[in-house]
Amino acid sequence: MNEVTIKVEGMSCGGCVANVTGVLKALSGVSEAQVSLADASATVRYDPATVSVEALRAAVENAGFDAPA
């Protein structure tokens, strides 16, 4: 398992945190996702053979948030 911290912009409340957490955890290969409103970030443990960092960022962006590289 690898771990990456992704910057997540546009979150403003606990509902946003729950939304981002849900879309990340729904991805195949993601074992854990911890999203912080205060830090504007998501720390994700994932299997790099199953899912890429680019796919993690795309999932966040598809949920309506920004995930700049």
N, C-alpha and C. Protein backbone atom coordinates (compact mmCIF):
# COMPACT_ATOMS: atom_id res chain seq x y z
N MET A 1 0.83 -1.19 0.00
CA MET A 1 0.00 0.00 0.00
C MET A 1 0.88 1.25 0.00
N ASN A 2 0.45 2.22 -0.77
CA ASN A 2 1.11 3.53 -0.78
C ASN A 2 0.20 4.52 -0.08
N GLU A 3 0.77 5.66 0.29
CA GLU A 3 -0.02 6.73 0.89
C GLU A 3 0.32 8.03 0.19
N VAL A 4 -0.71 8.81 -0.09
CA VAL A 4 -0.52 10.11 -0.73
C VAL A 4 -1.45 11.12 -0.08
N THR A 5 -0.99 12.36 0.00
CA THR A 5 -1.84 13.44 0.47
C THR A 5 -2.14 14.35 -0.71
N ILE A 6 -3.42 14.53 -0.97
CA ILE A 6 -3.88 15.33 -2.09
C ILE A 6 -4.49 16.61 -1.56
N LYS A 7 -4.14 17.73 -2.15
CA LYS A 7 -4.77 19.00 -1.79
C LYS A 7 -6.18 19.00 -2.36
N VAL A 8 -7.15 19.40 -1.53
CA VAL A 8 -8.55 19.46 -1.96
C VAL A 8 -9.07 20.86 -1.69
N GLU A 9 -9.38 21.58 -2.76
CA GLU A 9 -9.87 22.95 -2.62
C GLU A 9 -11.37 22.99 -2.88
N GLY A 10 -12.05 23.88 -2.15
CA GLY A 10 -13.48 24.07 -2.37
C GLY A 10 -14.37 23.45 -1.31
N MET A 11 -13.79 22.77 -0.32
CA MET A 11 -14.59 22.21 0.76
C MET A 11 -14.93 23.32 1.75
N SER A 12 -16.17 23.33 2.24
CA SER A 12 -16.57 24.39 3.17
C SER A 12 -17.28 23.86 4.41
N CYS A 13 -17.56 22.54 4.46
CA CYS A 13 -18.31 22.02 5.61
C CYS A 13 -18.09 20.52 5.76
N GLY A 14 -18.69 19.98 6.81
CA GLY A 14 -18.59 18.54 7.06
C GLY A 14 -19.20 17.70 5.95
N GLY A 15 -20.22 18.24 5.31
CA GLY A 15 -20.84 17.52 4.19
C GLY A 15 -19.87 17.35 3.03
N CYS A 16 -19.07 18.39 2.79
CA CYS A 16 -18.05 18.31 1.74
C CYS A 16 -17.03 17.23 2.08
N VAL A 17 -16.61 17.21 3.34
CA VAL A 17 -15.65 16.20 3.80
C VAL A 17 -16.22 14.80 3.59
N ALA A 18 -17.48 14.61 3.96
CA ALA A 18 -18.12 13.30 3.79
C ALA A 18 -18.22 12.92 2.32
N ASN A 19 -18.51 13.89 1.48
CA ASN A 19 -18.62 13.65 0.05
C ASN A 19 -17.28 13.19 -0.53
N VAL A 20 -16.22 13.92 -0.23
CA VAL A 20 -14.89 13.58 -0.74
C VAL A 20 -14.45 12.23 -0.19
N THR A 21 -14.68 12.00 1.09
CA THR A 21 -14.31 10.71 1.69
C THR A 21 -15.03 9.57 0.97
N GLY A 22 -16.32 9.76 0.72
CA GLY A 22 -17.11 8.71 0.07
C GLY A 22 -16.63 8.39 -1.34
N VAL A 23 -16.35 9.42 -2.14
CA VAL A 23 -15.93 9.14 -3.52
C VAL A 23 -14.56 8.47 -3.54
N LEU A 24 -13.69 8.83 -2.61
CA LEU A 24 -12.37 8.19 -2.57
C LEU A 24 -12.47 6.74 -2.11
N LYS A 25 -13.24 6.50 -1.05
CA LYS A 25 -13.37 5.13 -0.54
C LYS A 25 -14.08 4.21 -1.52
N ALA A 26 -14.88 4.78 -2.42
CA ALA A 26 -15.61 3.98 -3.40
C ALA A 26 -14.70 3.44 -4.50
N LEU A 27 -13.51 4.02 -4.63
CA LEU A 27 -12.60 3.57 -5.69
C LEU A 27 -11.97 2.23 -5.32
N SER A 28 -11.92 1.36 -6.30
CA SER A 28 -11.25 0.07 -6.11
C SER A 28 -9.77 0.33 -5.86
N GLY A 29 -9.23 -0.31 -4.85
CA GLY A 29 -7.82 -0.15 -4.52
C GLY A 29 -7.56 0.82 -3.38
N VAL A 30 -8.59 1.56 -2.94
CA VAL A 30 -8.43 2.49 -1.83
C VAL A 30 -8.80 1.76 -0.54
N SER A 31 -7.86 1.72 0.42
CA SER A 31 -8.13 1.04 1.68
C SER A 31 -8.54 2.02 2.78
N GLU A 32 -8.10 3.28 2.66
CA GLU A 32 -8.43 4.27 3.68
C GLU A 32 -8.34 5.66 3.09
N ALA A 33 -9.26 6.53 3.50
CA ALA A 33 -9.22 7.93 3.08
C ALA A 33 -9.59 8.79 4.28
N GLN A 34 -8.70 9.70 4.64
CA GLN A 34 -8.95 10.64 5.73
C GLN A 34 -8.90 12.05 5.15
N VAL A 35 -10.03 12.73 5.22
CA VAL A 35 -10.16 14.05 4.63
C VAL A 35 -10.22 15.09 5.74
N SER A 36 -9.44 16.16 5.59
CA SER A 36 -9.38 17.22 6.59
C SER A 36 -9.86 18.53 6.00
N LEU A 37 -10.92 19.07 6.59
CA LEU A 37 -11.42 20.38 6.18
C LEU A 37 -10.41 21.46 6.56
N ALA A 38 -9.84 21.37 7.75
CA ALA A 38 -8.89 22.37 8.24
C ALA A 38 -7.63 22.44 7.37
N ASP A 39 -7.14 21.29 6.93
CA ASP A 39 -5.93 21.24 6.12
C ASP A 39 -6.21 21.31 4.62
N ALA A 40 -7.49 21.23 4.25
CA ALA A 40 -7.89 21.20 2.83
C ALA A 40 -7.14 20.11 2.08
N SER A 41 -7.19 18.90 2.66
CA SER A 41 -6.45 17.80 2.05
C SER A 41 -7.13 16.47 2.32
N ALA A 42 -6.70 15.48 1.53
CA ALA A 42 -7.14 14.10 1.72
C ALA A 42 -5.90 13.22 1.74
N THR A 43 -5.77 12.42 2.78
CA THR A 43 -4.68 11.45 2.85
C THR A 43 -5.27 10.08 2.55
N VAL A 44 -4.72 9.43 1.53
CA VAL A 44 -5.31 8.20 1.00
C VAL A 44 -4.28 7.09 0.99
N ARG A 45 -4.67 5.93 1.54
CA ARG A 45 -3.87 4.71 1.42
C ARG A 45 -4.48 3.91 0.29
N TYR A 46 -3.63 3.52 -0.67
CA TYR A 46 -4.16 2.88 -1.88
C TYR A 46 -3.17 1.87 -2.44
N ASP A 47 -3.67 1.00 -3.29
CA ASP A 47 -2.86 0.00 -3.98
C ASP A 47 -2.50 0.58 -5.35
N PRO A 48 -1.23 0.92 -5.58
CA PRO A 48 -0.85 1.54 -6.85
C PRO A 48 -1.03 0.62 -8.05
N ALA A 49 -1.16 -0.69 -7.82
CA ALA A 49 -1.40 -1.61 -8.93
C ALA A 49 -2.85 -1.56 -9.38
N THR A 50 -3.73 -0.98 -8.54
CA THR A 50 -5.15 -0.94 -8.83
C THR A 50 -5.65 0.45 -9.21
N VAL A 51 -5.14 1.47 -8.54
CA VAL A 51 -5.63 2.84 -8.76
C VAL A 51 -4.45 3.81 -8.74
N SER A 52 -4.51 4.82 -9.60
CA SER A 52 -3.43 5.80 -9.69
C SER A 52 -3.77 7.08 -8.92
N VAL A 53 -2.76 7.85 -8.63
CA VAL A 53 -2.98 9.15 -7.98
C VAL A 53 -3.82 10.03 -8.89
N GLU A 54 -3.61 9.92 -10.19
CA GLU A 54 -4.41 10.70 -11.14
C GLU A 54 -5.88 10.33 -11.03
N ALA A 55 -6.18 9.05 -10.84
CA ALA A 55 -7.57 8.61 -10.69
C ALA A 55 -8.18 9.14 -9.39
N LEU A 56 -7.36 9.22 -8.34
CA LEU A 56 -7.84 9.78 -7.07
C LEU A 56 -8.21 11.24 -7.26
N ARG A 57 -7.32 11.99 -7.92
CA ARG A 57 -7.60 13.41 -8.18
C ARG A 57 -8.83 13.57 -9.05
N ALA A 58 -8.97 12.72 -10.07
CA ALA A 58 -10.13 12.81 -10.97
C ALA A 58 -11.42 12.57 -10.21
N ALA A 59 -11.42 11.63 -9.27
CA ALA A 59 -12.62 11.35 -8.48
C ALA A 59 -13.01 12.56 -7.64
N VAL A 60 -12.02 13.22 -7.05
CA VAL A 60 -12.29 14.43 -6.26
C VAL A 60 -12.86 15.52 -7.15
N GLU A 61 -12.26 15.70 -8.33
CA GLU A 61 -12.73 16.74 -9.24
C GLU A 61 -14.12 16.43 -9.79
N ASN A 62 -14.39 15.16 -10.06
CA ASN A 62 -15.72 14.76 -10.54
C ASN A 62 -16.79 14.99 -9.48
N ALA A 63 -16.38 15.06 -8.21
CA ALA A 63 -17.32 15.32 -7.12
C ALA A 63 -17.55 16.82 -6.95
N GLY A 64 -16.87 17.64 -7.74
CA GLY A 64 -17.11 19.08 -7.71
C GLY A 64 -16.09 19.90 -6.94
N PHE A 65 -14.95 19.30 -6.63
CA PHE A 65 -13.90 20.00 -5.89
C PHE A 65 -12.66 20.08 -6.75
N ASP A 66 -11.72 20.93 -6.37
CA ASP A 66 -10.46 21.04 -7.09
C ASP A 66 -9.40 20.22 -6.37
N ALA A 67 -8.59 19.49 -7.16
CA ALA A 67 -7.49 18.70 -6.62
C ALA A 67 -6.23 18.99 -7.44
N PRO A 68 -5.66 20.18 -7.23
CA PRO A 68 -4.48 20.55 -8.03
C PRO A 68 -3.28 19.66 -7.75
N ALA A 69 -2.49 19.45 -8.79
CA ALA A 69 -1.30 18.59 -8.65
C ALA A 69 -0.23 19.29 -7.84
